[in-house]
Amino acid sequence: MGEQIVQQQAAQFEAETRIDTVSTKFKNLFRKKSTLAFLLCVPLIVLIIGLIVYPFFYSIFLSMLNKKETRFVGFANFLFLFKRDTFWMVVRQSVLFTTTAVFFKALIGFIMAHLIDFLPEKRQRLWRGLALVAWVMPPALSTLGWWWLFEPSYSAINWLLDLFFGFTIPWLSETFWARFSVILVNIWWGTSFFLIMYLAALKSVPADLYEAADIDGASTWQKLIYITLPMLRNIIAITMLFSTIVTFANFDIVRVLTQGGPMNTTHLFGTWSFLIGIQSGDIPLGACVSLFMFPVLALLAFFILRDVRQRVKQI
């Protein structure tokens, strides 16, 4: 009996020791910063998988089905799109819309950031706040205001043009002016983002560099070329990349302002995909249209981010 009691006590002690060891390991594991960081990122990872990864692969699956989603057709939907003139018109319009809007947003934002940076600090707060008003407003809501300004019957802009110059402009009924209108609204909405990003980057440029340039007799243009632009190069690249992705995938502005008209000439990939997939009921073909944005944006992001990483390594 004595030996059995000793054996039981030894087994119990061994089990308690194992539990303590496991508990200690778990405590050490959760004390690691890497483990804590992973646990904090779990909700975000779940959201990304549920809202981005899963829909992306499901879209690929849908794009390879027929219209009734009953038969696998492979790449037949993609080949069908390549033969449609409307598809290539949407490609041209998307490229024109994105390149023009991003260029002018970057240019105007850069100029405005410098103008505000020259102001005293108290006045900068006011202008920073005013500049953010356009960007923080929902695009669909602000576009409704622009639609009223461009609307043929009640256009405030046309009323002023007719009053002072005796003519009006068909803002939303002619291809050129309709494209001009959607690009203008996107520039107005997105310039504030560039302004805030560039203004924050300007604050990070060491003042000693400009003081040394003044001592050497450098002009304003030379300081811009040899100090400001090199110091802001990474933030300019990343900001333009983000804006290109958002602009290329734009939906709200075109949908509210023109709905793709006149004659589909202002459609972007997002709005045309909605028209085909949701309104026309051809979900697989609409998925095909939406998927064409991915390779373009993926390649653009790859080359820009690679260039940024190379410059960071050189620093």
C-alpha atoms as a PDB file:
ATOM      1  CA  MET A   1       0.000   0.000   0.000  1.00  0.00           C
ATOM      2  CA  GLY A   2       2.792   2.371   0.847  1.00  0.00           C
ATOM      3  CA  GLU A   3       4.414   1.850  -2.562  1.00  0.00           C
ATOM      4  CA  GLN A   4       1.111   2.536  -4.366  1.00  0.00           C
ATOM      5  CA  ILE A   5       0.631   5.761  -2.438  1.00  0.00           C
ATOM      6  CA  VAL A   6       4.180   6.850  -3.311  1.00  0.00           C
ATOM      7  CA  GLN A   7       3.605   6.018  -6.985  1.00  0.00           C
ATOM      8  CA  GLN A   8       0.321   7.946  -7.020  1.00  0.00           C
ATOM      9  CA  GLN A   9       1.951  10.955  -5.413  1.00  0.00           C
ATOM     10  CA  ALA A  10       4.832  10.773  -7.909  1.00  0.00           C
ATOM     11  CA  ALA A  11       2.381  10.575 -10.844  1.00  0.00           C
ATOM     12  CA  GLN A  12       0.376  13.481  -9.440  1.00  0.00           C
ATOM     13  CA  PHE A  13       3.529  15.544  -8.975  1.00  0.00           C
ATOM     14  CA  GLU A  14       4.642  14.746 -12.532  1.00  0.00           C
ATOM     15  CA  ALA A  15       1.223  15.750 -13.913  1.00  0.00           C
ATOM     16  CA  GLU A  16       1.277  19.024 -11.967  1.00  0.00           C
ATOM     17  CA  THR A  17       4.802  19.692 -13.210  1.00  0.00           C
ATOM     18  CA  ARG A  18       3.671  19.161 -16.821  1.00  0.00           C
ATOM     19  CA  ILE A  19       0.696  21.482 -16.326  1.00  0.00           C
ATOM     20  CA  ASP A  20       2.952  24.143 -14.831  1.00  0.00           C
ATOM     21  CA  THR A  21       5.394  23.731 -17.736  1.00  0.00           C
ATOM     22  CA  VAL A  22       2.638  24.069 -20.343  1.00  0.00           C
ATOM     23  CA  SER A  23       1.152  27.044 -18.486  1.00  0.00           C
ATOM     24  CA  THR A  24       4.562  28.720 -18.351  1.00  0.00           C
ATOM     25  CA  LYS A  25       5.071  28.151 -22.071  1.00  0.00           C
ATOM     26  CA  PHE A  26       1.677  29.680 -22.868  1.00  0.00           C
ATOM     27  CA  LYS A  27       2.404  32.679 -20.649  1.00  0.00           C
ATOM     28  CA  ASN A  28       5.764  33.203 -22.350  1.00  0.00           C
ATOM     29  CA  LEU A  29       4.119  32.838 -25.734  1.00  0.00           C
ATOM     30  CA  PHE A  30       1.502  35.481 -25.024  1.00  0.00           C
ATOM     31  CA  ARG A  31       4.102  37.809 -23.581  1.00  0.00           C
ATOM     32  CA  LYS A  32       5.892  37.956 -26.934  1.00  0.00           C
ATOM     33  CA  LYS A  33       5.204  41.092 -28.946  1.00  0.00           C
ATOM     34  CA  SER A  34       4.909  39.104 -32.161  1.00  0.00           C
ATOM     35  CA  THR A  35       2.131  36.933 -30.691  1.00  0.00           C
ATOM     36  CA  LEU A  36       0.273  39.968 -29.353  1.00  0.00           C
ATOM     37  CA  ALA A  37       0.601  41.705 -32.718  1.00  0.00           C
ATOM     38  CA  PHE A  38      -0.797  38.665 -34.511  1.00  0.00           C
ATOM     39  CA  LEU A  39      -3.777  38.404 -32.148  1.00  0.00           C
ATOM     40  CA  LEU A  40      -4.544  42.091 -32.615  1.00  0.00           C
ATOM     41  CA  CYS A  41      -4.444  41.611 -36.396  1.00  0.00           C
ATOM     42  CA  VAL A  42      -6.761  38.581 -36.388  1.00  0.00           C
ATOM     43  CA  PRO A  43      -9.993  40.648 -36.727  1.00  0.00           C
ATOM     44  CA  LEU A  44      -8.486  42.539 -39.663  1.00  0.00           C
ATOM     45  CA  ILE A  45      -7.297  39.303 -41.285  1.00  0.00           C
ATOM     46  CA  VAL A  46     -10.801  37.840 -40.953  1.00  0.00           C
ATOM     47  CA  LEU A  47     -12.315  40.948 -42.563  1.00  0.00           C
ATOM     48  CA  ILE A  48      -9.815  40.855 -45.443  1.00  0.00           C
ATOM     49  CA  ILE A  49     -10.497  37.183 -46.078  1.00  0.00           C
ATOM     50  CA  GLY A  50     -14.260  37.642 -45.884  1.00  0.00           C
ATOM     51  CA  LEU A  51     -14.590  40.894 -47.818  1.00  0.00           C
ATOM     52  CA  ILE A  52     -11.669  40.775 -50.277  1.00  0.00           C
ATOM     53  CA  VAL A  53     -10.034  37.366 -50.703  1.00  0.00           C
ATOM     54  CA  TYR A  54     -13.193  35.253 -50.832  1.00  0.00           C
ATOM     55  CA  PRO A  55     -15.122  37.639 -53.162  1.00  0.00           C
ATOM     56  CA  PHE A  56     -12.082  37.824 -55.460  1.00  0.00           C
ATOM     57  CA  PHE A  57     -11.798  34.072 -55.962  1.00  0.00           C
ATOM     58  CA  TYR A  58     -15.576  33.720 -56.148  1.00  0.00           C
ATOM     59  CA  SER A  59     -15.583  36.351 -58.927  1.00  0.00           C
ATOM     60  CA  ILE A  60     -13.022  34.297 -60.835  1.00  0.00           C
ATOM     61  CA  PHE A  61     -15.286  31.264 -60.463  1.00  0.00           C
ATOM     62  CA  LEU A  62     -18.353  33.223 -61.621  1.00  0.00           C
ATOM     63  CA  SER A  63     -16.536  34.659 -64.640  1.00  0.00           C
ATOM     64  CA  MET A  64     -16.095  31.145 -66.025  1.00  0.00           C
ATOM     65  CA  LEU A  65     -19.804  30.256 -65.980  1.00  0.00           C
ATOM     66  CA  ASN A  66     -22.508  30.889 -68.564  1.00  0.00           C
ATOM     67  CA  LYS A  67     -25.196  33.545 -68.083  1.00  0.00           C
ATOM     68  CA  LYS A  68     -27.536  31.169 -66.201  1.00  0.00           C
ATOM     69  CA  GLU A  69     -24.600  30.000 -64.019  1.00  0.00           C
ATOM     70  CA  THR A  70     -25.316  26.371 -64.897  1.00  0.00           C
ATOM     71  CA  ARG A  71     -22.380  25.489 -67.136  1.00  0.00           C
ATOM     72  CA  PHE A  72     -18.618  25.987 -67.021  1.00  0.00           C
ATOM     73  CA  VAL A  73     -17.440  27.898 -70.127  1.00  0.00           C
ATOM     74  CA  GLY A  74     -13.816  28.698 -69.231  1.00  0.00           C
ATOM     75  CA  PHE A  75     -12.504  31.883 -70.834  1.00  0.00           C
ATOM     76  CA  ALA A  76     -15.393  32.244 -73.285  1.00  0.00           C
ATOM     77  CA  ASN A  77     -16.743  35.316 -71.470  1.00  0.00           C
ATOM     78  CA  PHE A  78     -13.366  37.054 -71.687  1.00  0.00           C
ATOM     79  CA  LEU A  79     -13.062  36.278 -75.398  1.00  0.00           C
ATOM     80  CA  PHE A  80     -16.572  37.628 -75.916  1.00  0.00           C
ATOM     81  CA  LEU A  81     -15.632  40.927 -74.251  1.00  0.00           C
ATOM     82  CA  PHE A  82     -12.530  41.306 -76.424  1.00  0.00           C
ATOM     83  CA  LYS A  83     -14.776  41.344 -79.493  1.00  0.00           C
ATOM     84  CA  ARG A  84     -17.051  44.118 -78.206  1.00  0.00           C
ATOM     85  CA  ASP A  85     -16.320  47.718 -79.203  1.00  0.00           C
ATOM     86  CA  THR A  86     -17.952  48.961 -75.999  1.00  0.00           C
ATOM     87  CA  PHE A  87     -15.390  47.095 -73.913  1.00  0.00           C
ATOM     88  CA  TRP A  88     -12.460  48.819 -75.601  1.00  0.00           C
ATOM     89  CA  MET A  89     -14.229  52.159 -75.295  1.00  0.00           C
ATOM     90  CA  VAL A  90     -14.546  51.525 -71.553  1.00  0.00           C
ATOM     91  CA  VAL A  91     -10.834  50.662 -71.419  1.00  0.00           C
ATOM     92  CA  ARG A  92      -9.906  53.930 -73.159  1.00  0.00           C
ATOM     93  CA  GLN A  93     -12.258  55.966 -70.983  1.00  0.00           C
ATOM     94  CA  SER A  94     -10.935  54.356 -67.783  1.00  0.00           C
ATOM     95  CA  VAL A  95      -7.334  55.096 -68.752  1.00  0.00           C
ATOM     96  CA  LEU A  96      -8.186  58.675 -69.807  1.00  0.00           C
ATOM     97  CA  PHE A  97     -10.224  59.284 -66.661  1.00  0.00           C
ATOM     98  CA  THR A  98      -7.554  57.897 -64.326  1.00  0.00           C
ATOM     99  CA  THR A  99      -4.441  59.457 -65.859  1.00  0.00           C
ATOM    100  CA  THR A 100      -5.991  62.905 -66.317  1.00  0.00           C
ATOM    101  CA  ALA A 101      -7.614  63.044 -62.884  1.00  0.00           C
ATOM    102  CA  VAL A 102      -4.568  61.739 -60.981  1.00  0.00           C
ATOM    103  CA  PHE A 103      -2.193  64.091 -62.822  1.00  0.00           C
ATOM    104  CA  PHE A 104      -4.212  67.217 -62.044  1.00  0.00           C
ATOM    105  CA  LYS A 105      -4.965  66.124 -58.476  1.00  0.00           C
ATOM    106  CA  ALA A 106      -1.238  65.633 -57.855  1.00  0.00           C
ATOM    107  CA  LEU A 107      -0.318  68.936 -59.539  1.00  0.00           C
ATOM    108  CA  ILE A 108      -2.974  71.079 -57.857  1.00  0.00           C
ATOM    109  CA  GLY A 109      -2.424  69.373 -54.498  1.00  0.00           C
ATOM    110  CA  PHE A 110       1.334  69.992 -54.733  1.00  0.00           C
ATOM    111  CA  ILE A 111       0.868  73.684 -55.549  1.00  0.00           C
ATOM    112  CA  MET A 112      -1.742  74.209 -52.830  1.00  0.00           C
ATOM    113  CA  ALA A 113       0.409  72.410 -50.249  1.00  0.00           C
ATOM    114  CA  HIS A 114       3.267  74.826 -50.919  1.00  0.00           C
ATOM    115  CA  LEU A 115       0.981  77.854 -50.791  1.00  0.00           C
ATOM    116  CA  ILE A 116      -0.454  76.781 -47.420  1.00  0.00           C
ATOM    117  CA  ASP A 117       3.025  75.884 -46.106  1.00  0.00           C
ATOM    118  CA  PHE A 118       4.120  79.507 -46.612  1.00  0.00           C
ATOM    119  CA  LEU A 119       1.294  80.787 -44.386  1.00  0.00           C
ATOM    120  CA  PRO A 120       1.613  81.347 -40.616  1.00  0.00           C
ATOM    121  CA  GLU A 121       0.742  78.306 -38.490  1.00  0.00           C
ATOM    122  CA  LYS A 122      -2.594  79.681 -37.226  1.00  0.00           C
ATOM    123  CA  ARG A 123      -3.843  80.434 -40.738  1.00  0.00           C
ATOM    124  CA  GLN A 124      -2.661  77.011 -41.929  1.00  0.00           C
ATOM    125  CA  ARG A 125      -5.128  75.310 -39.570  1.00  0.00           C
ATOM    126  CA  LEU A 126      -8.044  77.147 -41.157  1.00  0.00           C
ATOM    127  CA  TRP A 127      -7.031  76.277 -44.723  1.00  0.00           C
ATOM    128  CA  ARG A 128      -6.263  72.657 -43.819  1.00  0.00           C
ATOM    129  CA  GLY A 129      -9.736  72.320 -42.355  1.00  0.00           C
ATOM    130  CA  LEU A 130     -11.392  73.903 -45.383  1.00  0.00           C
ATOM    131  CA  ALA A 131      -9.391  71.717 -47.753  1.00  0.00           C
ATOM    132  CA  LEU A 132     -10.596  68.550 -46.028  1.00  0.00           C
ATOM    133  CA  VAL A 133     -14.287  69.412 -46.443  1.00  0.00           C
ATOM    134  CA  ALA A 134     -14.471  68.140 -50.027  1.00  0.00           C
ATOM    135  CA  TRP A 135     -12.608  64.899 -49.282  1.00  0.00           C
ATOM    136  CA  VAL A 136     -14.484  63.882 -46.135  1.00  0.00           C
ATOM    137  CA  MET A 137     -17.883  64.295 -47.802  1.00  0.00           C
ATOM    138  CA  PRO A 138     -19.338  61.088 -49.307  1.00  0.00           C
ATOM    139  CA  PRO A 139     -18.630  61.171 -53.078  1.00  0.00           C
ATOM    140  CA  ALA A 140     -22.220  60.280 -53.986  1.00  0.00           C
ATOM    141  CA  LEU A 141     -23.569  63.153 -51.878  1.00  0.00           C
ATOM    142  CA  SER A 142     -21.186  65.781 -53.217  1.00  0.00           C
ATOM    143  CA  THR A 143     -21.723  64.537 -56.780  1.00  0.00           C
ATOM    144  CA  LEU A 144     -25.445  65.225 -56.409  1.00  0.00           C
ATOM    145  CA  GLY A 145     -24.539  68.881 -55.863  1.00  0.00           C
ATOM    146  CA  TRP A 146     -22.423  68.846 -59.017  1.00  0.00           C
ATOM    147  CA  TRP A 147     -25.251  67.149 -60.893  1.00  0.00           C
ATOM    148  CA  TRP A 148     -27.473  70.111 -60.006  1.00  0.00           C
ATOM    149  CA  LEU A 149     -24.789  72.491 -61.295  1.00  0.00           C
ATOM    150  CA  PHE A 150     -24.569  70.587 -64.600  1.00  0.00           C
ATOM    151  CA  GLU A 151     -28.259  69.626 -65.035  1.00  0.00           C
ATOM    152  CA  PRO A 152     -29.590  71.067 -68.337  1.00  0.00           C
ATOM    153  CA  SER A 153     -32.838  72.586 -67.056  1.00  0.00           C
ATOM    154  CA  TYR A 154     -31.688  74.043 -63.709  1.00  0.00           C
ATOM    155  CA  SER A 155     -27.917  74.372 -64.192  1.00  0.00           C
ATOM    156  CA  ALA A 156     -26.521  77.240 -62.130  1.00  0.00           C
ATOM    157  CA  ILE A 157     -23.391  77.301 -64.278  1.00  0.00           C
ATOM    158  CA  ASN A 158     -25.379  77.517 -67.512  1.00  0.00           C
ATOM    159  CA  TRP A 159     -27.551  80.228 -66.012  1.00  0.00           C
ATOM    160  CA  LEU A 160     -24.449  82.327 -65.337  1.00  0.00           C
ATOM    161  CA  LEU A 161     -22.974  81.574 -68.767  1.00  0.00           C
ATOM    162  CA  ASP A 162     -26.206  82.574 -70.465  1.00  0.00           C
ATOM    163  CA  LEU A 163     -26.508  85.700 -68.336  1.00  0.00           C
ATOM    164  CA  PHE A 164     -23.006  87.026 -68.983  1.00  0.00           C
ATOM    165  CA  PHE A 165     -21.922  85.410 -72.274  1.00  0.00           C
ATOM    166  CA  GLY A 166     -25.137  84.398 -74.020  1.00  0.00           C
ATOM    167  CA  PHE A 167     -24.460  80.668 -74.454  1.00  0.00           C
ATOM    168  CA  THR A 168     -24.822  77.409 -72.543  1.00  0.00           C
ATOM    169  CA  ILE A 169     -22.867  74.153 -72.473  1.00  0.00           C
ATOM    170  CA  PRO A 170     -24.433  70.659 -72.714  1.00  0.00           C
ATOM    171  CA  TRP A 171     -22.436  69.348 -69.772  1.00  0.00           C
ATOM    172  CA  LEU A 172     -23.952  65.874 -69.539  1.00  0.00           C
ATOM    173  CA  SER A 173     -25.418  65.296 -73.016  1.00  0.00           C
ATOM    174  CA  GLU A 174     -22.298  65.486 -75.226  1.00  0.00           C
ATOM    175  CA  THR A 175     -19.394  63.062 -74.957  1.00  0.00           C
ATOM    176  CA  PHE A 176     -16.608  65.613 -74.574  1.00  0.00           C
ATOM    177  CA  TRP A 177     -18.365  67.674 -71.921  1.00  0.00           C
ATOM    178  CA  ALA A 178     -19.669  64.608 -70.072  1.00  0.00           C
ATOM    179  CA  ARG A 179     -16.139  63.212 -69.810  1.00  0.00           C
ATOM    180  CA  PHE A 180     -14.863  66.629 -68.802  1.00  0.00           C
ATOM    181  CA  SER A 181     -17.530  66.837 -66.080  1.00  0.00           C
ATOM    182  CA  VAL A 182     -16.785  63.478 -64.427  1.00  0.00           C
ATOM    183  CA  ILE A 183     -13.040  64.179 -64.480  1.00  0.00           C
ATOM    184  CA  LEU A 184     -13.581  67.661 -63.027  1.00  0.00           C
ATOM    185  CA  VAL A 185     -15.692  66.320 -60.158  1.00  0.00           C
ATOM    186  CA  ASN A 186     -13.105  63.636 -59.381  1.00  0.00           C
ATOM    187  CA  ILE A 187     -10.327  66.240 -59.345  1.00  0.00           C
ATOM    188  CA  TRP A 188     -12.367  68.463 -57.028  1.00  0.00           C
ATOM    189  CA  TRP A 189     -13.050  65.574 -54.653  1.00  0.00           C
ATOM    190  CA  GLY A 190      -9.558  64.016 -54.606  1.00  0.00           C
ATOM    191  CA  THR A 191      -7.252  67.045 -54.594  1.00  0.00           C
ATOM    192  CA  SER A 192      -7.687  67.491 -50.833  1.00  0.00           C
ATOM    193  CA  PHE A 193      -6.117  64.083 -50.202  1.00  0.00           C
ATOM    194  CA  PHE A 194      -2.983  65.039 -52.152  1.00  0.00           C
ATOM    195  CA  LEU A 195      -2.894  68.412 -50.410  1.00  0.00           C
ATOM    196  CA  ILE A 196      -2.931  66.918 -46.909  1.00  0.00           C
ATOM    197  CA  MET A 197      -0.374  64.210 -47.760  1.00  0.00           C
ATOM    198  CA  TYR A 198       2.047  66.646 -49.415  1.00  0.00           C
ATOM    199  CA  LEU A 199       1.628  69.234 -46.671  1.00  0.00           C
ATOM    200  CA  ALA A 200       2.464  66.628 -44.019  1.00  0.00           C
ATOM    201  CA  ALA A 201       5.494  65.544 -46.057  1.00  0.00           C
ATOM    202  CA  LEU A 202       6.694  69.142 -46.365  1.00  0.00           C
ATOM    203  CA  LYS A 203       6.659  69.462 -42.577  1.00  0.00           C
ATOM    204  CA  SER A 204       9.100  66.538 -42.370  1.00  0.00           C
ATOM    205  CA  VAL A 205      11.723  68.163 -44.625  1.00  0.00           C
ATOM    206  CA  PRO A 206      14.571  69.473 -42.398  1.00  0.00           C
ATOM    207  CA  ALA A 207      14.692  73.279 -42.376  1.00  0.00           C
ATOM    208  CA  ASP A 208      18.522  73.088 -42.270  1.00  0.00           C
ATOM    209  CA  LEU A 209      18.542  72.014 -45.915  1.00  0.00           C
ATOM    210  CA  TYR A 210      16.712  75.147 -47.024  1.00  0.00           C
ATOM    211  CA  GLU A 211      18.882  77.349 -44.816  1.00  0.00           C
ATOM    212  CA  ALA A 212      22.033  75.859 -46.348  1.00  0.00           C
ATOM    213  CA  ALA A 213      20.565  76.368 -49.821  1.00  0.00           C
ATOM    214  CA  ASP A 214      19.832  80.032 -49.015  1.00  0.00           C
ATOM    215  CA  ILE A 215      23.423  80.521 -47.879  1.00  0.00           C
ATOM    216  CA  ASP A 216      24.657  79.008 -51.146  1.00  0.00           C
ATOM    217  CA  GLY A 217      22.412  81.401 -53.081  1.00  0.00           C
ATOM    218  CA  ALA A 218      20.006  78.764 -54.463  1.00  0.00           C
ATOM    219  CA  SER A 219      16.846  80.035 -56.122  1.00  0.00           C
ATOM    220  CA  THR A 220      13.317  78.906 -55.221  1.00  0.00           C
ATOM    221  CA  TRP A 221      13.208  76.729 -58.318  1.00  0.00           C
ATOM    222  CA  GLN A 222      16.544  75.076 -57.453  1.00  0.00           C
ATOM    223  CA  LYS A 223      15.362  74.349 -53.901  1.00  0.00           C
ATOM    224  CA  LEU A 224      12.233  72.782 -55.338  1.00  0.00           C
ATOM    225  CA  ILE A 225      14.149  70.573 -57.793  1.00  0.00           C
ATOM    226  CA  TYR A 226      17.105  69.538 -55.620  1.00  0.00           C
ATOM    227  CA  ILE A 227      15.588  69.471 -52.101  1.00  0.00           C
ATOM    228  CA  THR A 228      11.792  69.304 -52.038  1.00  0.00           C
ATOM    229  CA  LEU A 229      11.155  66.818 -54.831  1.00  0.00           C
ATOM    230  CA  PRO A 230      13.858  64.303 -53.788  1.00  0.00           C
ATOM    231  CA  MET A 231      12.682  64.457 -50.155  1.00  0.00           C
ATOM    232  CA  LEU A 232       9.029  63.990 -51.178  1.00  0.00           C
ATOM    233  CA  ARG A 233       9.643  61.421 -53.889  1.00  0.00           C
ATOM    234  CA  ASN A 234       8.496  58.381 -51.914  1.00  0.00           C
ATOM    235  CA  ILE A 235       5.349  59.994 -50.534  1.00  0.00           C
ATOM    236  CA  ILE A 236       4.493  61.312 -54.011  1.00  0.00           C
ATOM    237  CA  ALA A 237       4.819  57.815 -55.489  1.00  0.00           C
ATOM    238  CA  ILE A 238       2.758  56.125 -52.767  1.00  0.00           C
ATOM    239  CA  THR A 239       0.068  58.833 -52.834  1.00  0.00           C
ATOM    240  CA  MET A 240      -0.258  58.615 -56.605  1.00  0.00           C
ATOM    241  CA  LEU A 241      -0.435  54.819 -56.409  1.00  0.00           C
ATOM    242  CA  PHE A 242      -3.241  54.918 -53.860  1.00  0.00           C
ATOM    243  CA  SER A 243      -5.105  57.596 -55.819  1.00  0.00           C
ATOM    244  CA  THR A 244      -4.693  55.656 -59.080  1.00  0.00           C
ATOM    245  CA  ILE A 245      -6.238  52.547 -57.529  1.00  0.00           C
ATOM    246  CA  VAL A 246      -9.169  54.500 -56.069  1.00  0.00           C
ATOM    247  CA  THR A 247      -9.719  56.539 -59.248  1.00  0.00           C
ATOM    248  CA  PHE A 248      -9.469  53.567 -61.609  1.00  0.00           C
ATOM    249  CA  ALA A 249     -12.075  51.711 -59.540  1.00  0.00           C
ATOM    250  CA  ASN A 250     -14.323  54.760 -59.179  1.00  0.00           C
ATOM    251  CA  PHE A 251     -18.066  54.119 -59.202  1.00  0.00           C
ATOM    252  CA  ASP A 252     -19.977  56.847 -57.345  1.00  0.00           C
ATOM    253  CA  ILE A 253     -19.172  59.874 -59.486  1.00  0.00           C
ATOM    254  CA  VAL A 254     -19.952  58.365 -62.881  1.00  0.00           C
ATOM    255  CA  ARG A 255     -22.976  56.481 -61.568  1.00  0.00           C
ATOM    256  CA  VAL A 256     -24.590  59.580 -60.064  1.00  0.00           C
ATOM    257  CA  LEU A 257     -23.525  62.150 -62.638  1.00  0.00           C
ATOM    258  CA  THR A 258     -23.962  60.445 -66.032  1.00  0.00           C
ATOM    259  CA  GLN A 259     -24.834  56.765 -65.389  1.00  0.00           C
ATOM    260  CA  GLY A 260     -22.347  55.982 -68.150  1.00  0.00           C
ATOM    261  CA  GLY A 261     -23.997  58.157 -70.792  1.00  0.00           C
ATOM    262  CA  PRO A 262     -24.214  59.530 -73.335  1.00  0.00           C
ATOM    263  CA  MET A 263     -24.107  56.228 -75.273  1.00  0.00           C
ATOM    264  CA  ASN A 264     -21.813  54.478 -72.750  1.00  0.00           C
ATOM    265  CA  THR A 265     -18.988  56.956 -73.418  1.00  0.00           C
ATOM    266  CA  THR A 266     -18.327  57.793 -69.766  1.00  0.00           C
ATOM    267  CA  HIS A 267     -18.517  54.258 -68.372  1.00  0.00           C
ATOM    268  CA  LEU A 268     -15.661  53.002 -66.210  1.00  0.00           C
ATOM    269  CA  PHE A 269     -14.998  49.360 -65.352  1.00  0.00           C
ATOM    270  CA  GLY A 270     -16.969  49.644 -62.118  1.00  0.00           C
ATOM    271  CA  THR A 271     -20.085  51.256 -63.615  1.00  0.00           C
ATOM    272  CA  TRP A 272     -20.107  49.074 -66.742  1.00  0.00           C
ATOM    273  CA  SER A 273     -19.682  45.947 -64.629  1.00  0.00           C
ATOM    274  CA  PHE A 274     -22.681  47.055 -62.534  1.00  0.00           C
ATOM    275  CA  LEU A 275     -24.724  47.700 -65.684  1.00  0.00           C
ATOM    276  CA  ILE A 276     -23.977  44.277 -67.183  1.00  0.00           C
ATOM    277  CA  GLY A 277     -23.930  42.188 -64.029  1.00  0.00           C
ATOM    278  CA  ILE A 278     -26.676  43.717 -61.856  1.00  0.00           C
ATOM    279  CA  GLN A 279     -28.983  45.676 -64.136  1.00  0.00           C
ATOM    280  CA  SER A 280     -28.786  43.335 -67.139  1.00  0.00           C
ATOM    281  CA  GLY A 281     -28.644  40.158 -65.056  1.00  0.00           C
ATOM    282  CA  ASP A 282     -25.478  38.690 -66.591  1.00  0.00           C
ATOM    283  CA  ILE A 283     -23.488  38.160 -63.366  1.00  0.00           C
ATOM    284  CA  PRO A 284     -20.631  36.101 -64.952  1.00  0.00           C
ATOM    285  CA  LEU A 285     -19.996  38.703 -67.666  1.00  0.00           C
ATOM    286  CA  GLY A 286     -20.121  41.499 -65.090  1.00  0.00           C
ATOM    287  CA  ALA A 287     -17.563  39.600 -63.013  1.00  0.00           C
ATOM    288  CA  CYS A 288     -15.318  39.395 -66.092  1.00  0.00           C
ATOM    289  CA  VAL A 289     -15.446  43.156 -66.542  1.00  0.00           C
ATOM    290  CA  SER A 290     -14.596  43.834 -62.892  1.00  0.00           C
ATOM    291  CA  LEU A 291     -11.663  41.403 -62.982  1.00  0.00           C
ATOM    292  CA  PHE A 292      -9.932  43.363 -65.756  1.00  0.00           C
ATOM    293  CA  MET A 293      -9.033  46.023 -63.181  1.00  0.00           C
ATOM    294  CA  PHE A 294      -6.978  43.632 -61.073  1.00  0.00           C
ATOM    295  CA  PRO A 295      -3.972  42.856 -63.351  1.00  0.00           C
ATOM    296  CA  VAL A 296      -3.574  46.517 -64.330  1.00  0.00           C
ATOM    297  CA  LEU A 297      -3.580  47.768 -60.750  1.00  0.00           C
ATOM    298  CA  ALA A 298      -1.460  44.841 -59.508  1.00  0.00           C
ATOM    299  CA  LEU A 299       1.294  45.556 -62.045  1.00  0.00           C
ATOM    300  CA  LEU A 300       1.175  49.269 -61.289  1.00  0.00           C
ATOM    301  CA  ALA A 301       1.438  48.642 -57.548  1.00  0.00           C
ATOM    302  CA  PHE A 302       4.308  46.178 -58.038  1.00  0.00           C
ATOM    303  CA  PHE A 303       6.512  48.540 -60.049  1.00  0.00           C
ATOM    304  CA  ILE A 304       5.842  51.620 -57.910  1.00  0.00           C
ATOM    305  CA  LEU A 305       6.402  49.839 -54.586  1.00  0.00           C
ATOM    306  CA  ARG A 306       9.543  48.157 -55.936  1.00  0.00           C
ATOM    307  CA  ASP A 307      10.909  51.562 -56.912  1.00  0.00           C
ATOM    308  CA  VAL A 308      10.091  52.928 -53.443  1.00  0.00           C
ATOM    309  CA  ARG A 309      11.842  49.989 -51.722  1.00  0.00           C
ATOM    310  CA  GLN A 310      14.949  50.471 -53.865  1.00  0.00           C
ATOM    311  CA  ARG A 311      15.153  54.145 -52.928  1.00  0.00           C
ATOM    312  CA  VAL A 312      14.695  53.357 -49.229  1.00  0.00           C
ATOM    313  CA  LYS A 313      17.588  50.853 -49.398  1.00  0.00           C
ATOM    314  CA  GLN A 314      19.798  53.509 -51.013  1.00  0.00           C
ATOM    315  CA  ILE A 315      19.073  55.873 -48.120  1.00  0.00           C
END
